[in-house]
């Protein structure tokens, strides 16, 4: 018996939950392609952009992360304060300056 995939907004919400879970579990290789598709669907989402940018930084590709971390605003709910929007670009900039070890 095949599983029926959800359609529409419910499918998008399930994909967001999966992407967030992969990101939190530090499974960046699996999270990046999914987050990339989600960011294409919702390019103005600060959360999705941040998660994709963070995955790229943590995967050793900070130069690719900068466009995703340079979002105009971060959410003010869920404990975020306005100044936190500066933290991710600073981390990416710092990572670019640090030599990566293998």
Protein backbone atom coordinates (compact mmCIF):
# COMPACT_ATOMS: atom_id res chain seq x y z
CA UNK A 1 0.00 0.00 0.00
CA UNK A 2 1.52 3.33 -1.07
CA UNK A 3 1.50 6.34 1.18
CA UNK A 4 -0.48 9.29 -0.10
CA UNK A 5 1.45 12.54 0.08
CA UNK A 6 -0.29 15.57 1.46
CA UNK A 7 -0.90 18.35 -1.02
CA UNK A 8 -0.80 22.13 -0.90
CA UNK A 9 -0.02 24.04 2.23
CA UNK A 10 -0.05 20.95 4.47
CA UNK A 11 2.74 19.38 2.38
CA UNK A 12 4.73 22.62 2.62
CA UNK A 13 4.33 22.67 6.41
CA UNK A 14 5.45 19.04 6.68
CA UNK A 15 8.50 19.79 4.55
CA UNK A 16 9.32 22.77 6.79
CA UNK A 17 9.09 20.55 9.88
CA UNK A 18 11.35 17.95 8.26
CA UNK A 19 13.87 20.59 7.18
CA UNK A 20 13.93 22.14 10.65
CA UNK A 21 14.40 18.71 12.22
CA UNK A 22 17.30 17.90 9.85
CA UNK A 23 18.86 21.30 10.59
CA UNK A 24 18.54 20.85 14.35
CA UNK A 25 20.01 17.34 14.07
CA UNK A 26 22.93 18.85 12.13
CA UNK A 27 22.16 16.67 9.12
CA UNK A 28 23.20 19.47 6.80
CA UNK A 29 23.67 17.31 3.70
CA UNK A 30 20.02 16.27 3.80
CA UNK A 31 18.72 19.66 4.98
CA UNK A 32 20.37 21.84 2.33
CA UNK A 33 18.49 20.59 -0.77
CA UNK A 34 15.17 20.63 1.09
CA UNK A 35 15.76 24.10 2.53
CA UNK A 36 16.86 25.33 -0.90
CA UNK A 37 13.51 24.24 -2.38
CA UNK A 38 11.62 25.80 0.53
CA UNK A 39 13.47 29.11 0.19
CA UNK A 40 12.60 29.14 -3.51
CA UNK A 41 8.94 28.69 -2.54
CA UNK A 42 9.12 31.32 0.25
CA UNK A 43 12.07 33.62 -0.52
CA UNK A 44 11.05 36.22 2.10
CA UNK A 45 11.03 33.76 5.00
CA UNK A 46 13.71 34.87 7.48
CA UNK A 47 13.58 31.51 9.28
CA UNK A 48 14.12 29.40 6.16
CA UNK A 49 16.86 31.71 4.89
CA UNK A 50 18.62 31.59 8.25
CA UNK A 51 18.42 27.80 8.48
CA UNK A 52 19.77 27.36 4.93
CA UNK A 53 22.54 29.89 5.56
CA UNK A 54 23.50 28.19 8.81
CA UNK A 55 23.61 24.78 7.09
CA UNK A 56 25.91 26.17 4.42
CA UNK A 57 28.23 27.77 7.00
CA UNK A 58 28.37 24.57 9.02
CA UNK A 59 29.03 22.55 5.85
CA UNK A 60 32.12 24.64 5.09
CA UNK A 61 30.55 26.84 2.42
CA UNK A 62 30.22 30.22 4.16
CA UNK A 63 30.57 32.19 0.92
CA UNK A 64 27.39 30.53 -0.38
CA UNK A 65 25.62 31.31 2.91
CA UNK A 66 25.89 35.09 2.82
CA UNK A 67 22.86 35.80 0.57
CA UNK A 68 20.68 33.67 2.84
CA UNK A 69 21.93 35.27 6.02
CA UNK A 70 21.55 38.81 4.72
CA UNK A 71 17.77 38.95 5.10
CA UNK A 72 16.25 42.35 5.87
CA UNK A 73 14.56 41.34 9.09
CA UNK A 74 14.42 38.49 11.54
CA UNK A 75 11.28 37.59 13.44
CA UNK A 76 10.68 39.39 16.70
CA UNK A 77 8.60 36.59 18.17
CA UNK A 78 9.95 33.35 19.61
CA UNK A 79 12.67 35.08 21.59
CA UNK A 80 14.39 36.86 18.73
CA UNK A 81 15.43 40.44 19.30
CA UNK A 82 16.11 42.85 16.42
CA UNK A 83 19.87 42.84 16.97
CA UNK A 84 20.04 39.07 16.43
CA UNK A 85 19.70 39.64 12.69
CA UNK A 86 23.37 40.68 12.78
CA UNK A 87 24.64 37.48 14.35
CA UNK A 88 24.38 35.15 11.34
CA UNK A 89 26.19 37.43 8.82
CA UNK A 90 28.95 37.99 11.37
CA UNK A 91 29.33 34.22 11.82
CA UNK A 92 29.53 33.75 8.04
CA UNK A 93 32.08 36.55 7.73
CA UNK A 94 34.14 35.05 10.53
CA UNK A 95 33.98 31.61 8.91
CA UNK A 96 35.22 33.06 5.62
CA UNK A 97 38.28 34.44 7.39
CA UNK A 98 39.06 31.20 9.24
CA UNK A 99 41.05 28.47 7.50
CA UNK A 100 39.12 25.22 7.29
CA UNK A 101 40.84 22.13 8.53
CA UNK A 102 40.16 18.72 7.09
